[in-house]
């Protein structure tokens, strides 16, 4: 197994990681000036280059919305996406506004997704492994559109 290095995706290197981020999320990032202020974008690289990426929106209320997470097909099941999620939590903790809470607080990590069954099952397995709960499914009554799913994970930040 290769050593993976995690780093921040910035406006300067976004183009390098575009293929690993949902196109609509890339467009959203490109429209933002200094997207690093409101979004957390992380990359995973090994000796051969980019193998994973994660983008999350840092919401005003302290919650985090996971917008895109992807691992290169050749590197799946190696813990890269889970490593990205762990790094995201570490960075979010470092950015946490301790002025509002002396000892810690619960932050809600949210994700919404629309995937075909085989991909949805694998993604939900990964979400459960990473402590996501409260899964939900919303369907269009006409059934003309695919289902929209969501899940949340509660993260407790402690001051230490």
C-alpha atoms as a PDB file:
ATOM      1  CA  UNK A   1       0.000   0.000   0.000  1.00  0.00           C
ATOM      2  CA  UNK A   2       1.323   3.421  -0.974  1.00  0.00           C
ATOM      3  CA  UNK A   3       1.849   6.223   1.478  1.00  0.00           C
ATOM      4  CA  UNK A   4      -0.862   8.845   1.066  1.00  0.00           C
ATOM      5  CA  UNK A   5      -0.254  12.513   1.732  1.00  0.00           C
ATOM      6  CA  UNK A   6      -3.214  14.775   2.504  1.00  0.00           C
ATOM      7  CA  UNK A   7      -3.159  18.458   1.586  1.00  0.00           C
ATOM      8  CA  UNK A   8      -5.467  21.406   1.024  1.00  0.00           C
ATOM      9  CA  UNK A   9      -6.881  22.171  -2.396  1.00  0.00           C
ATOM     10  CA  UNK A  10      -6.646  25.887  -3.117  1.00  0.00           C
ATOM     11  CA  UNK A  11      -7.586  28.154  -5.982  1.00  0.00           C
ATOM     12  CA  UNK A  12      -4.043  27.710  -7.314  1.00  0.00           C
ATOM     13  CA  UNK A  13      -4.175  23.902  -7.560  1.00  0.00           C
ATOM     14  CA  UNK A  14      -7.917  23.277  -8.026  1.00  0.00           C
ATOM     15  CA  UNK A  15      -7.473  22.402 -11.694  1.00  0.00           C
ATOM     16  CA  UNK A  16      -5.222  19.458 -10.776  1.00  0.00           C
ATOM     17  CA  UNK A  17      -8.025  17.853  -8.733  1.00  0.00           C
ATOM     18  CA  UNK A  18     -11.048  18.757 -10.884  1.00  0.00           C
ATOM     19  CA  UNK A  19     -11.461  15.210 -12.265  1.00  0.00           C
ATOM     20  CA  UNK A  20     -11.936  13.938  -8.680  1.00  0.00           C
ATOM     21  CA  UNK A  21     -14.608  16.495  -7.694  1.00  0.00           C
ATOM     22  CA  UNK A  22     -18.237  16.617  -8.831  1.00  0.00           C
ATOM     23  CA  UNK A  23     -18.475  19.068 -11.772  1.00  0.00           C
ATOM     24  CA  UNK A  24     -21.225  21.156 -10.138  1.00  0.00           C
ATOM     25  CA  UNK A  25     -19.050  21.531  -7.015  1.00  0.00           C
ATOM     26  CA  UNK A  26     -16.035  22.578  -9.108  1.00  0.00           C
ATOM     27  CA  UNK A  27     -18.174  25.267 -10.764  1.00  0.00           C
ATOM     28  CA  UNK A  28     -19.385  26.467  -7.361  1.00  0.00           C
ATOM     29  CA  UNK A  29     -15.787  26.735  -6.129  1.00  0.00           C
ATOM     30  CA  UNK A  30     -14.679  28.590  -9.257  1.00  0.00           C
ATOM     31  CA  UNK A  31     -17.428  31.170  -8.763  1.00  0.00           C
ATOM     32  CA  UNK A  32     -16.234  31.966  -5.244  1.00  0.00           C
ATOM     33  CA  UNK A  33     -13.466  34.433  -4.571  1.00  0.00           C
ATOM     34  CA  UNK A  34     -11.203  32.917  -1.903  1.00  0.00           C
ATOM     35  CA  UNK A  35     -13.307  29.754  -1.667  1.00  0.00           C
ATOM     36  CA  UNK A  36     -11.033  28.565   1.163  1.00  0.00           C
ATOM     37  CA  UNK A  37     -12.969  30.873   3.531  1.00  0.00           C
ATOM     38  CA  UNK A  38     -16.253  28.969   3.170  1.00  0.00           C
ATOM     39  CA  UNK A  39     -15.191  25.598   1.793  1.00  0.00           C
ATOM     40  CA  UNK A  40     -12.768  22.962   2.926  1.00  0.00           C
ATOM     41  CA  UNK A  41     -11.222  21.136  -0.022  1.00  0.00           C
ATOM     42  CA  UNK A  42      -8.716  18.367   0.644  1.00  0.00           C
ATOM     43  CA  UNK A  43      -6.668  16.146  -1.632  1.00  0.00           C
ATOM     44  CA  UNK A  44      -5.058  12.748  -1.200  1.00  0.00           C
ATOM     45  CA  UNK A  45      -1.924  12.052  -3.234  1.00  0.00           C
ATOM     46  CA  UNK A  46       0.397   9.099  -3.469  1.00  0.00           C
ATOM     47  CA  UNK A  47       3.715   8.792  -5.305  1.00  0.00           C
ATOM     48  CA  UNK A  48       1.878   8.671  -8.649  1.00  0.00           C
ATOM     49  CA  UNK A  49      -0.362  11.720  -8.090  1.00  0.00           C
ATOM     50  CA  UNK A  50      -3.935  12.492  -7.084  1.00  0.00           C
ATOM     51  CA  UNK A  51      -5.933   9.542  -5.717  1.00  0.00           C
ATOM     52  CA  UNK A  52      -8.759  11.262  -3.828  1.00  0.00           C
ATOM     53  CA  UNK A  53     -10.514  14.513  -3.022  1.00  0.00           C
ATOM     54  CA  UNK A  54     -13.102  15.808  -0.575  1.00  0.00           C
ATOM     55  CA  UNK A  55     -14.971  19.125  -0.585  1.00  0.00           C
ATOM     56  CA  UNK A  56     -17.136  20.357   2.282  1.00  0.00           C
ATOM     57  CA  UNK A  57     -18.970  23.611   2.892  1.00  0.00           C
ATOM     58  CA  UNK A  58     -18.449  25.248   6.274  1.00  0.00           C
ATOM     59  CA  UNK A  59     -21.854  26.617   7.236  1.00  0.00           C
ATOM     60  CA  UNK A  60     -22.419  29.763   9.297  1.00  0.00           C
ATOM     61  CA  UNK A  61     -23.980  27.766  12.158  1.00  0.00           C
ATOM     62  CA  UNK A  62     -20.854  25.588  12.482  1.00  0.00           C
ATOM     63  CA  UNK A  63     -22.294  22.562  10.682  1.00  0.00           C
ATOM     64  CA  UNK A  64     -20.483  21.013   7.737  1.00  0.00           C
ATOM     65  CA  UNK A  65     -22.027  19.836   4.457  1.00  0.00           C
ATOM     66  CA  UNK A  66     -20.071  17.200   2.594  1.00  0.00           C
ATOM     67  CA  UNK A  67     -20.403  18.170  -1.080  1.00  0.00           C
ATOM     68  CA  UNK A  68     -18.074  15.776  -2.857  1.00  0.00           C
ATOM     69  CA  UNK A  69     -15.884  12.842  -1.894  1.00  0.00           C
ATOM     70  CA  UNK A  70     -14.115  10.637  -4.398  1.00  0.00           C
ATOM     71  CA  UNK A  71     -11.376   8.037  -4.552  1.00  0.00           C
ATOM     72  CA  UNK A  72      -9.722   6.880  -7.753  1.00  0.00           C
ATOM     73  CA  UNK A  73     -11.152   3.468  -8.712  1.00  0.00           C
ATOM     74  CA  UNK A  74      -7.740   1.767  -8.503  1.00  0.00           C
ATOM     75  CA  UNK A  75      -7.348   2.956  -4.891  1.00  0.00           C
ATOM     76  CA  UNK A  76     -10.759   2.167  -3.440  1.00  0.00           C
ATOM     77  CA  UNK A  77     -10.993   0.165  -0.199  1.00  0.00           C
ATOM     78  CA  UNK A  78      -7.608   1.518   0.938  1.00  0.00           C
ATOM     79  CA  UNK A  79      -9.038   3.976   3.504  1.00  0.00           C
ATOM     80  CA  UNK A  80      -8.363   7.074   1.415  1.00  0.00           C
ATOM     81  CA  UNK A  81     -11.890   8.541   1.628  1.00  0.00           C
ATOM     82  CA  UNK A  82     -12.026   7.782   5.356  1.00  0.00           C
ATOM     83  CA  UNK A  83      -8.627   9.436   5.750  1.00  0.00           C
ATOM     84  CA  UNK A  84      -9.906  12.518   3.927  1.00  0.00           C
ATOM     85  CA  UNK A  85     -12.938  12.616   6.215  1.00  0.00           C
ATOM     86  CA  UNK A  86     -10.702  12.330   9.282  1.00  0.00           C
ATOM     87  CA  UNK A  87      -8.438  15.139   8.032  1.00  0.00           C
ATOM     88  CA  UNK A  88     -11.520  17.271   7.321  1.00  0.00           C
ATOM     89  CA  UNK A  89     -12.663  16.765  10.909  1.00  0.00           C
ATOM     90  CA  UNK A  90      -9.215  17.719  12.224  1.00  0.00           C
ATOM     91  CA  UNK A  91      -9.155  20.910  10.155  1.00  0.00           C
ATOM     92  CA  UNK A  92     -12.755  21.763  11.104  1.00  0.00           C
ATOM     93  CA  UNK A  93     -11.843  21.329  14.777  1.00  0.00           C
ATOM     94  CA  UNK A  94      -8.879  23.693  14.337  1.00  0.00           C
ATOM     95  CA  UNK A  95     -11.183  26.255  12.682  1.00  0.00           C
ATOM     96  CA  UNK A  96     -13.883  25.888  15.339  1.00  0.00           C
ATOM     97  CA  UNK A  97     -14.912  29.129  17.050  1.00  0.00           C
ATOM     98  CA  UNK A  98     -14.216  28.403  20.720  1.00  0.00           C
ATOM     99  CA  UNK A  99     -15.578  31.817  21.743  1.00  0.00           C
ATOM    100  CA  UNK A 100     -19.119  30.432  21.500  1.00  0.00           C
ATOM    101  CA  UNK A 101     -18.434  27.340  23.594  1.00  0.00           C
ATOM    102  CA  UNK A 102     -16.050  27.028  26.491  1.00  0.00           C
ATOM    103  CA  UNK A 103     -15.804  23.228  26.565  1.00  0.00           C
ATOM    104  CA  UNK A 104     -16.965  21.955  23.197  1.00  0.00           C
ATOM    105  CA  UNK A 105     -19.926  21.574  20.969  1.00  0.00           C
ATOM    106  CA  UNK A 106     -21.725  19.165  18.672  1.00  0.00           C
ATOM    107  CA  UNK A 107     -21.266  19.802  14.970  1.00  0.00           C
ATOM    108  CA  UNK A 108     -23.530  18.156  12.427  1.00  0.00           C
ATOM    109  CA  UNK A 109     -21.834  16.684   9.360  1.00  0.00           C
ATOM    110  CA  UNK A 110     -24.409  16.362   6.585  1.00  0.00           C
ATOM    111  CA  UNK A 111     -24.429  14.757   3.163  1.00  0.00           C
ATOM    112  CA  UNK A 112     -27.069  14.467   0.431  1.00  0.00           C
ATOM    113  CA  UNK A 113     -26.611  12.152  -2.533  1.00  0.00           C
ATOM    114  CA  UNK A 114     -28.386  10.655  -5.522  1.00  0.00           C
ATOM    115  CA  UNK A 115     -26.779   7.445  -6.713  1.00  0.00           C
ATOM    116  CA  UNK A 116     -27.740   4.311  -8.580  1.00  0.00           C
ATOM    117  CA  UNK A 117     -28.438   1.375  -6.253  1.00  0.00           C
ATOM    118  CA  UNK A 118     -25.054  -0.375  -6.570  1.00  0.00           C
ATOM    119  CA  UNK A 119     -23.133   2.851  -5.880  1.00  0.00           C
ATOM    120  CA  UNK A 120     -25.572   3.994  -3.210  1.00  0.00           C
ATOM    121  CA  UNK A 121     -25.120   0.772  -1.235  1.00  0.00           C
ATOM    122  CA  UNK A 122     -21.315   1.086  -1.302  1.00  0.00           C
ATOM    123  CA  UNK A 123     -21.470   4.786  -0.374  1.00  0.00           C
ATOM    124  CA  UNK A 124     -23.893   4.116   2.485  1.00  0.00           C
ATOM    125  CA  UNK A 125     -21.648   1.322   3.756  1.00  0.00           C
ATOM    126  CA  UNK A 126     -18.788   3.863   3.843  1.00  0.00           C
ATOM    127  CA  UNK A 127     -21.017   6.431   5.581  1.00  0.00           C
ATOM    128  CA  UNK A 128     -22.036   3.916   8.280  1.00  0.00           C
ATOM    129  CA  UNK A 129     -18.390   2.932   8.780  1.00  0.00           C
ATOM    130  CA  UNK A 130     -17.666   6.624   9.382  1.00  0.00           C
ATOM    131  CA  UNK A 131     -20.414   7.080  12.006  1.00  0.00           C
ATOM    132  CA  UNK A 132     -23.157   8.539   9.823  1.00  0.00           C
ATOM    133  CA  UNK A 133     -26.667   7.862  11.094  1.00  0.00           C
ATOM    134  CA  UNK A 134     -30.200   9.120  10.470  1.00  0.00           C
ATOM    135  CA  UNK A 135     -30.398   8.024   6.840  1.00  0.00           C
ATOM    136  CA  UNK A 136     -33.333   9.366   4.861  1.00  0.00           C
ATOM    137  CA  UNK A 137     -34.803   8.838   1.413  1.00  0.00           C
ATOM    138  CA  UNK A 138     -36.949  11.343  -0.483  1.00  0.00           C
ATOM    139  CA  UNK A 139     -38.755  10.396  -3.669  1.00  0.00           C
ATOM    140  CA  UNK A 140     -40.519  12.444  -6.267  1.00  0.00           C
ATOM    141  CA  UNK A 141     -44.171  11.305  -6.163  1.00  0.00           C
ATOM    142  CA  UNK A 142     -44.193  10.910  -9.934  1.00  0.00           C
ATOM    143  CA  UNK A 143     -41.072   8.672  -9.660  1.00  0.00           C
ATOM    144  CA  UNK A 144     -39.697  10.464 -12.732  1.00  0.00           C
ATOM    145  CA  UNK A 145     -36.608  11.523 -10.812  1.00  0.00           C
ATOM    146  CA  UNK A 146     -34.174   9.364  -8.900  1.00  0.00           C
ATOM    147  CA  UNK A 147     -34.391   9.292  -5.144  1.00  0.00           C
ATOM    148  CA  UNK A 148     -32.473  11.770  -3.046  1.00  0.00           C
ATOM    149  CA  UNK A 149     -30.815  10.367   0.048  1.00  0.00           C
ATOM    150  CA  UNK A 150     -29.183  11.973   3.033  1.00  0.00           C
ATOM    151  CA  UNK A 151     -27.324  11.105   6.190  1.00  0.00           C
ATOM    152  CA  UNK A 152     -25.840  12.917   9.152  1.00  0.00           C
ATOM    153  CA  UNK A 153     -23.020  12.327  11.604  1.00  0.00           C
ATOM    154  CA  UNK A 154     -22.660  14.155  14.885  1.00  0.00           C
ATOM    155  CA  UNK A 155     -19.131  15.240  15.757  1.00  0.00           C
ATOM    156  CA  UNK A 156     -18.382  16.443  19.273  1.00  0.00           C
ATOM    157  CA  UNK A 157     -15.513  18.888  19.569  1.00  0.00           C
ATOM    158  CA  UNK A 158     -13.853  18.962  22.975  1.00  0.00           C
ATOM    159  CA  UNK A 159     -11.445  21.620  24.128  1.00  0.00           C
ATOM    160  CA  UNK A 160      -8.200  20.119  25.358  1.00  0.00           C
END
